[in-house]
Amino acid sequence: MGRENKICFTDSQGDALFTIPDGGMIKLAYGNGDENYAICRYLDETHAKIDGVDYSILEFAQRMERNGISYAAA
């Protein structure tokens, strides 16, 4: 039986927030009230393709914090 890859999202300090399965979605909430959804693909334990862009999970969290964007499992 195969193991399903999970993407573990963290905050900008590296503390775990939530996990989603490979191919799952996150909801992005912008400071102006807009919302967007992004499909996420597992790359390895610390990297994911989020909305078509390769990120380290920590780099993604730091970028979202800098831009005032919150994110959660969709």
PDB file of N, CA and C in Angstrom:
ATOM      1  N   MET A   1       0.841  -1.183   0.000  1.00  0.00           N
ATOM      2  CA  MET A   1       0.000   0.000   0.000  1.00  0.00           C
ATOM      3  C   MET A   1       0.885   1.245   0.000  1.00  0.00           C
ATOM      4  N   GLY A   2       0.659   2.183  -0.917  1.00  0.00           N
ATOM      5  CA  GLY A   2       1.498   3.367  -1.052  1.00  0.00           C
ATOM      6  C   GLY A   2       1.243   4.399   0.036  1.00  0.00           C
ATOM      7  N   ARG A   3       2.243   5.162   0.309  1.00  0.00           N
ATOM      8  CA  ARG A   3       2.147   6.220   1.310  1.00  0.00           C
ATOM      9  C   ARG A   3       1.749   7.517   0.616  1.00  0.00           C
ATOM     10  N   GLU A   4       0.705   8.161   1.124  1.00  0.00           N
ATOM     11  CA  GLU A   4       0.276   9.428   0.545  1.00  0.00           C
ATOM     12  C   GLU A   4       1.145  10.549   1.082  1.00  0.00           C
ATOM     13  N   ASN A   5       1.684  11.365   0.179  1.00  0.00           N
ATOM     14  CA  ASN A   5       2.508  12.493   0.599  1.00  0.00           C
ATOM     15  C   ASN A   5       1.623  13.609   1.135  1.00  0.00           C
ATOM     16  N   LYS A   6       2.054  14.183   2.244  1.00  0.00           N
ATOM     17  CA  LYS A   6       1.347  15.299   2.871  1.00  0.00           C
ATOM     18  C   LYS A   6       2.262  16.518   2.854  1.00  0.00           C
ATOM     19  N   ILE A   7       1.685  17.678   2.657  1.00  0.00           N
ATOM     20  CA  ILE A   7       2.420  18.936   2.693  1.00  0.00           C
ATOM     21  C   ILE A   7       2.137  19.577   4.041  1.00  0.00           C
ATOM     22  N   CYS A   8       3.186  19.822   4.805  1.00  0.00           N
ATOM     23  CA  CYS A   8       3.051  20.429   6.135  1.00  0.00           C
ATOM     24  C   CYS A   8       3.388  21.918   6.028  1.00  0.00           C
ATOM     25  N   PHE A   9       2.378  22.760   6.167  1.00  0.00           N
ATOM     26  CA  PHE A   9       2.588  24.203   6.127  1.00  0.00           C
ATOM     27  C   PHE A   9       2.991  24.705   7.506  1.00  0.00           C
ATOM     28  N   THR A  10       3.883  25.696   7.513  1.00  0.00           N
ATOM     29  CA  THR A  10       4.384  26.271   8.758  1.00  0.00           C
ATOM     30  C   THR A  10       4.157  27.776   8.747  1.00  0.00           C
ATOM     31  N   ASP A  11       4.398  28.370   9.915  1.00  0.00           N
ATOM     32  CA  ASP A  11       4.442  29.827   9.962  1.00  0.00           C
ATOM     33  C   ASP A  11       5.862  30.266   9.609  1.00  0.00           C
ATOM     34  N   SER A  12       6.129  31.554   9.663  1.00  0.00           N
ATOM     35  CA  SER A  12       7.433  32.073   9.244  1.00  0.00           C
ATOM     36  C   SER A  12       8.565  31.683  10.197  1.00  0.00           C
ATOM     37  N   GLN A  13       8.211  31.140  11.362  1.00  0.00           N
ATOM     38  CA  GLN A  13       9.219  30.677  12.317  1.00  0.00           C
ATOM     39  C   GLN A  13       9.490  29.177  12.167  1.00  0.00           C
ATOM     40  N   GLY A  14       8.744  28.524  11.291  1.00  0.00           N
ATOM     41  CA  GLY A  14       8.916  27.097  11.062  1.00  0.00           C
ATOM     42  C   GLY A  14       8.034  26.208  11.923  1.00  0.00           C
ATOM     43  N   ASP A  15       7.096  26.805  12.672  1.00  0.00           N
ATOM     44  CA  ASP A  15       6.182  26.013  13.505  1.00  0.00           C
ATOM     45  C   ASP A  15       5.020  25.498  12.660  1.00  0.00           C
ATOM     46  N   ALA A  16       4.709  24.206  12.779  1.00  0.00           N
ATOM     47  CA  ALA A  16       3.662  23.578  11.974  1.00  0.00           C
ATOM     48  C   ALA A  16       2.307  24.221  12.229  1.00  0.00           C
ATOM     49  N   LEU A  17       1.556  24.458  11.151  1.00  0.00           N
ATOM     50  CA  LEU A  17       0.209  25.018  11.236  1.00  0.00           C
ATOM     51  C   LEU A  17      -0.847  23.983  10.853  1.00  0.00           C
ATOM     52  N   PHE A  18      -0.692  23.361   9.690  1.00  0.00           N
ATOM     53  CA  PHE A  18      -1.657  22.382   9.197  1.00  0.00           C
ATOM     54  C   PHE A  18      -1.009  21.570   8.085  1.00  0.00           C
ATOM     55  N   THR A  19      -1.621  20.453   7.743  1.00  0.00           N
ATOM     56  CA  THR A  19      -1.156  19.646   6.619  1.00  0.00           C
ATOM     57  C   THR A  19      -2.305  19.440   5.645  1.00  0.00           C
ATOM     58  N   ILE A  20      -1.939  19.279   4.384  1.00  0.00           N
ATOM     59  CA  ILE A  20      -2.908  18.944   3.341  1.00  0.00           C
ATOM     60  C   ILE A  20      -2.310  17.819   2.504  1.00  0.00           C
ATOM     61  N   PRO A  21      -3.143  17.052   1.832  1.00  0.00           N
ATOM     62  CA  PRO A  21      -2.609  15.996   0.967  1.00  0.00           C
ATOM     63  C   PRO A  21      -2.028  16.587  -0.319  1.00  0.00           C
ATOM     64  N   ASP A  22      -1.148  15.837  -0.954  1.00  0.00           N
ATOM     65  CA  ASP A  22      -0.628  16.213  -2.265  1.00  0.00           C
ATOM     66  C   ASP A  22      -1.811  16.440  -3.200  1.00  0.00           C
ATOM     67  N   GLY A  23      -1.825  17.583  -3.871  1.00  0.00           N
ATOM     68  CA  GLY A  23      -2.931  17.926  -4.755  1.00  0.00           C
ATOM     69  C   GLY A  23      -4.045  18.685  -4.062  1.00  0.00           C
ATOM     70  N   GLY A  24      -3.900  18.920  -2.752  1.00  0.00           N
ATOM     71  CA  GLY A  24      -4.899  19.663  -1.995  1.00  0.00           C
ATOM     72  C   GLY A  24      -4.815  21.163  -2.264  1.00  0.00           C
ATOM     73  N   MET A  25      -5.713  21.893  -1.631  1.00  0.00           N
ATOM     74  CA  MET A  25      -5.773  23.334  -1.852  1.00  0.00           C
ATOM     75  C   MET A  25      -5.624  24.107  -0.547  1.00  0.00           C
ATOM     76  N   ILE A  26      -5.084  25.320  -0.690  1.00  0.00           N
ATOM     77  CA  ILE A  26      -5.077  26.263   0.420  1.00  0.00           C
ATOM     78  C   ILE A  26      -5.861  27.504  -0.004  1.00  0.00           C
ATOM     79  N   LYS A  27      -6.385  28.198   0.988  1.00  0.00           N
ATOM     80  CA  LYS A  27      -7.116  29.449   0.767  1.00  0.00           C
ATOM     81  C   LYS A  27      -6.202  30.585   1.201  1.00  0.00           C
ATOM     82  N   LEU A  28      -6.004  31.544   0.314  1.00  0.00           N
ATOM     83  CA  LEU A  28      -5.198  32.726   0.604  1.00  0.00           C
ATOM     84  C   LEU A  28      -6.149  33.894   0.846  1.00  0.00           C
ATOM     85  N   ALA A  29      -5.933  34.617   1.934  1.00  0.00           N
ATOM     86  CA  ALA A  29      -6.767  35.772   2.264  1.00  0.00           C
ATOM     87  C   ALA A  29      -5.888  37.019   2.288  1.00  0.00           C
ATOM     88  N   TYR A  30      -6.245  37.988   1.454  1.00  0.00           N
ATOM     89  CA  TYR A  30      -5.468  39.216   1.316  1.00  0.00           C
ATOM     90  C   TYR A  30      -6.030  40.307   2.222  1.00  0.00           C
ATOM     91  N   GLY A  31      -5.207  41.253   2.577  1.00  0.00           N
ATOM     92  CA  GLY A  31      -5.593  42.331   3.477  1.00  0.00           C
ATOM     93  C   GLY A  31      -6.754  43.171   2.976  1.00  0.00           C
ATOM     94  N   ASN A  32      -6.975  43.196   1.662  1.00  0.00           N
ATOM     95  CA  ASN A  32      -8.066  44.005   1.097  1.00  0.00           C
ATOM     96  C   ASN A  32      -9.393  43.257   1.047  1.00  0.00           C
ATOM     97  N   GLY A  33      -9.414  42.031   1.594  1.00  0.00           N
ATOM     98  CA  GLY A  33     -10.638  41.243   1.614  1.00  0.00           C
ATOM     99  C   GLY A  33     -10.751  40.226   0.490  1.00  0.00           C
ATOM    100  N   ASP A  34      -9.870  40.303  -0.509  1.00  0.00           N
ATOM    101  CA  ASP A  34      -9.892  39.325  -1.601  1.00  0.00           C
ATOM    102  C   ASP A  34      -9.435  37.961  -1.092  1.00  0.00           C
ATOM    103  N   GLU A  35      -9.912  36.919  -1.762  1.00  0.00           N
ATOM    104  CA  GLU A  35      -9.500  35.549  -1.436  1.00  0.00           C
ATOM    105  C   GLU A  35      -9.141  34.820  -2.723  1.00  0.00           C
ATOM    106  N   ASN A  36      -8.243  33.865  -2.602  1.00  0.00           N
ATOM    107  CA  ASN A  36      -7.833  33.060  -3.737  1.00  0.00           C
ATOM    108  C   ASN A  36      -7.567  31.647  -3.233  1.00  0.00           C
ATOM    109  N   TYR A  37      -7.655  30.684  -4.111  1.00  0.00           N
ATOM    110  CA  TYR A  37      -7.353  29.301  -3.768  1.00  0.00           C
ATOM    111  C   TYR A  37      -6.184  28.834  -4.624  1.00  0.00           C
ATOM    112  N   ALA A  38      -5.281  28.053  -4.025  1.00  0.00           N
ATOM    113  CA  ALA A  38      -4.102  27.571  -4.738  1.00  0.00           C
ATOM    114  C   ALA A  38      -3.986  26.058  -4.591  1.00  0.00           C
ATOM    115  N   ILE A  39      -3.750  25.381  -5.708  1.00  0.00           N
ATOM    116  CA  ILE A  39      -3.481  23.943  -5.686  1.00  0.00           C
ATOM    117  C   ILE A  39      -2.027  23.737  -5.302  1.00  0.00           C
ATOM    118  N   CYS A  40      -1.787  22.752  -4.452  1.00  0.00           N
ATOM    119  CA  CYS A  40      -0.449  22.499  -3.929  1.00  0.00           C
ATOM    120  C   CYS A  40      -0.006  21.081  -4.266  1.00  0.00           C
ATOM    121  N   ARG A  41       1.205  20.957  -4.764  1.00  0.00           N
ATOM    122  CA  ARG A  41       1.773  19.655  -5.108  1.00  0.00           C
ATOM    123  C   ARG A  41       3.025  19.417  -4.265  1.00  0.00           C
ATOM    124  N   TYR A  42       3.107  18.239  -3.703  1.00  0.00           N
ATOM    125  CA  TYR A  42       4.246  17.825  -2.887  1.00  0.00           C
ATOM    126  C   TYR A  42       5.485  17.695  -3.767  1.00  0.00           C
ATOM    127  N   LEU A  43       6.609  18.283  -3.342  1.00  0.00           N
ATOM    128  CA  LEU A  43       7.888  18.091  -4.020  1.00  0.00           C
ATOM    129  C   LEU A  43       8.813  17.233  -3.152  1.00  0.00           C
ATOM    130  N   ASP A  44       8.955  17.634  -1.881  1.00  0.00           N
ATOM    131  CA  ASP A  44       9.662  16.830  -0.890  1.00  0.00           C
ATOM    132  C   ASP A  44       9.223  17.329   0.488  1.00  0.00           C
ATOM    133  N   GLU A  45       9.867  16.864   1.545  1.00  0.00           N
ATOM    134  CA  GLU A  45       9.396  17.207   2.903  1.00  0.00           C
ATOM    135  C   GLU A  45       9.377  18.705   3.189  1.00  0.00           C
ATOM    136  N   THR A  46      10.202  19.477   2.510  1.00  0.00           N
ATOM    137  CA  THR A  46      10.287  20.909   2.812  1.00  0.00           C
ATOM    138  C   THR A  46       9.953  21.806   1.624  1.00  0.00           C
ATOM    139  N   HIS A  47       9.492  21.217   0.527  1.00  0.00           N
ATOM    140  CA  HIS A  47       9.188  21.998  -0.671  1.00  0.00           C
ATOM    141  C   HIS A  47       7.856  21.569  -1.283  1.00  0.00           C
ATOM    142  N   ALA A  48       7.175  22.546  -1.873  1.00  0.00           N
ATOM    143  CA  ALA A  48       5.911  22.267  -2.561  1.00  0.00           C
ATOM    144  C   ALA A  48       5.767  23.219  -3.739  1.00  0.00           C
ATOM    145  N   LYS A  49       5.006  22.783  -4.722  1.00  0.00           N
ATOM    146  CA  LYS A  49       4.625  23.660  -5.832  1.00  0.00           C
ATOM    147  C   LYS A  49       3.269  24.235  -5.445  1.00  0.00           C
ATOM    148  N   ILE A  50       3.226  25.545  -5.227  1.00  0.00           N
ATOM    149  CA  ILE A  50       2.016  26.221  -4.769  1.00  0.00           C
ATOM    150  C   ILE A  50       1.555  27.164  -5.867  1.00  0.00           C
ATOM    151  N   ASP A  51       0.391  26.891  -6.405  1.00  0.00           N
ATOM    152  CA  ASP A  51      -0.163  27.680  -7.510  1.00  0.00           C
ATOM    153  C   ASP A  51       0.832  27.751  -8.673  1.00  0.00           C
ATOM    154  N   GLY A  52       1.526  26.623  -8.921  1.00  0.00           N
ATOM    155  CA  GLY A  52       2.442  26.525 -10.050  1.00  0.00           C
ATOM    156  C   GLY A  52       3.849  27.026  -9.812  1.00  0.00           C
ATOM    157  N   VAL A  53       4.145  27.493  -8.591  1.00  0.00           N
ATOM    158  CA  VAL A  53       5.474  28.023  -8.277  1.00  0.00           C
ATOM    159  C   VAL A  53       6.128  27.135  -7.221  1.00  0.00           C
ATOM    160  N   ASP A  54       7.393  26.743  -7.448  1.00  0.00           N
ATOM    161  CA  ASP A  54       8.136  25.948  -6.474  1.00  0.00           C
ATOM    162  C   ASP A  54       8.586  26.824  -5.308  1.00  0.00           C
ATOM    163  N   TYR A  55       8.285  26.385  -4.088  1.00  0.00           N
ATOM    164  CA  TYR A  55       8.678  27.112  -2.870  1.00  0.00           C
ATOM    165  C   TYR A  55       9.256  26.144  -1.854  1.00  0.00           C
ATOM    166  N   SER A  56      10.164  26.647  -1.024  1.00  0.00           N
ATOM    167  CA  SER A  56      10.415  25.964   0.240  1.00  0.00           C
ATOM    168  C   SER A  56       9.243  26.408   1.118  1.00  0.00           C
ATOM    169  N   ILE A  57       8.754  25.528   1.951  1.00  0.00           N
ATOM    170  CA  ILE A  57       7.598  25.861   2.794  1.00  0.00           C
ATOM    171  C   ILE A  57       7.893  27.074   3.674  1.00  0.00           C
ATOM    172  N   LEU A  58       9.087  27.148   4.221  1.00  0.00           N
ATOM    173  CA  LEU A  58       9.464  28.276   5.081  1.00  0.00           C
ATOM    174  C   LEU A  58       9.521  29.581   4.276  1.00  0.00           C
ATOM    175  N   GLU A  59      10.089  29.526   3.076  1.00  0.00           N
ATOM    176  CA  GLU A  59      10.152  30.711   2.213  1.00  0.00           C
ATOM    177  C   GLU A  59       8.740  31.205   1.877  1.00  0.00           C
ATOM    178  N   PHE A  60       7.831  30.277   1.595  1.00  0.00           N
ATOM    179  CA  PHE A  60       6.446  30.647   1.305  1.00  0.00           C
ATOM    180  C   PHE A  60       5.831  31.374   2.499  1.00  0.00           C
ATOM    181  N   ALA A  61       6.004  30.821   3.691  1.00  0.00           N
ATOM    182  CA  ALA A  61       5.444  31.435   4.906  1.00  0.00           C
ATOM    183  C   ALA A  61       6.008  32.838   5.125  1.00  0.00           C
ATOM    184  N   GLN A  62       7.303  32.998   4.943  1.00  0.00           N
ATOM    185  CA  GLN A  62       7.929  34.313   5.138  1.00  0.00           C
ATOM    186  C   GLN A  62       7.423  35.317   4.109  1.00  0.00           C
ATOM    187  N   ARG A  63       7.253  34.868   2.870  1.00  0.00           N
ATOM    188  CA  ARG A  63       6.753  35.751   1.813  1.00  0.00           C
ATOM    189  C   ARG A  63       5.318  36.173   2.104  1.00  0.00           C
ATOM    190  N   MET A  64       4.478  35.234   2.527  1.00  0.00           N
ATOM    191  CA  MET A  64       3.089  35.560   2.840  1.00  0.00           C
ATOM    192  C   MET A  64       3.009  36.550   3.999  1.00  0.00           C
ATOM    193  N   GLU A  65       3.847  36.338   5.025  1.00  0.00           N
ATOM    194  CA  GLU A  65       3.852  37.255   6.169  1.00  0.00           C
ATOM    195  C   GLU A  65       4.266  38.664   5.727  1.00  0.00           C
ATOM    196  N   ARG A  66       5.318  38.754   4.924  1.00  0.00           N
ATOM    197  CA  ARG A  66       5.781  40.066   4.432  1.00  0.00           C
ATOM    198  C   ARG A  66       4.690  40.784   3.654  1.00  0.00           C
ATOM    199  N   ASN A  67       3.899  40.023   2.895  1.00  0.00           N
ATOM    200  CA  ASN A  67       2.865  40.618   2.041  1.00  0.00           C
ATOM    201  C   ASN A  67       1.499  40.727   2.713  1.00  0.00           C
ATOM    202  N   GLY A  68       1.416  40.349   4.002  1.00  0.00           N
ATOM    203  CA  GLY A  68       0.155  40.472   4.733  1.00  0.00           C
ATOM    204  C   GLY A  68      -0.930  39.525   4.235  1.00  0.00           C
ATOM    205  N   ILE A  69      -0.511  38.346   3.762  1.00  0.00           N
ATOM    206  CA  ILE A  69      -1.460  37.350   3.244  1.00  0.00           C
ATOM    207  C   ILE A  69      -1.531  36.188   4.212  1.00  0.00           C
ATOM    208  N   SER A  70      -2.738  35.832   4.660  1.00  0.00           N
ATOM    209  CA  SER A  70      -2.896  34.674   5.527  1.00  0.00           C
ATOM    210  C   SER A  70      -3.316  33.493   4.663  1.00  0.00           C
ATOM    211  N   TYR A  71      -3.073  32.280   5.172  1.00  0.00           N
ATOM    212  CA  TYR A  71      -3.402  31.072   4.416  1.00  0.00           C
ATOM    213  C   TYR A  71      -3.848  29.986   5.365  1.00  0.00           C
ATOM    214  N   ALA A  72      -4.705  29.117   4.841  1.00  0.00           N
ATOM    215  CA  ALA A  72      -5.269  28.019   5.644  1.00  0.00           C
ATOM    216  C   ALA A  72      -5.667  26.897   4.692  1.00  0.00           C
ATOM    217  N   ALA A  73      -5.843  25.724   5.243  1.00  0.00           N
ATOM    218  CA  ALA A  73      -6.329  24.596   4.448  1.00  0.00           C
ATOM    219  C   ALA A  73      -7.707  24.954   3.901  1.00  0.00           C
ATOM    220  N   ALA A  74      -7.950  24.599   2.654  1.00  0.00           N
ATOM    221  CA  ALA A  74      -9.251  24.924   2.043  1.00  0.00           C
ATOM    222  C   ALA A  74     -10.208  23.761   2.172  1.00  0.00           C
TER     223      ALA A  74
END
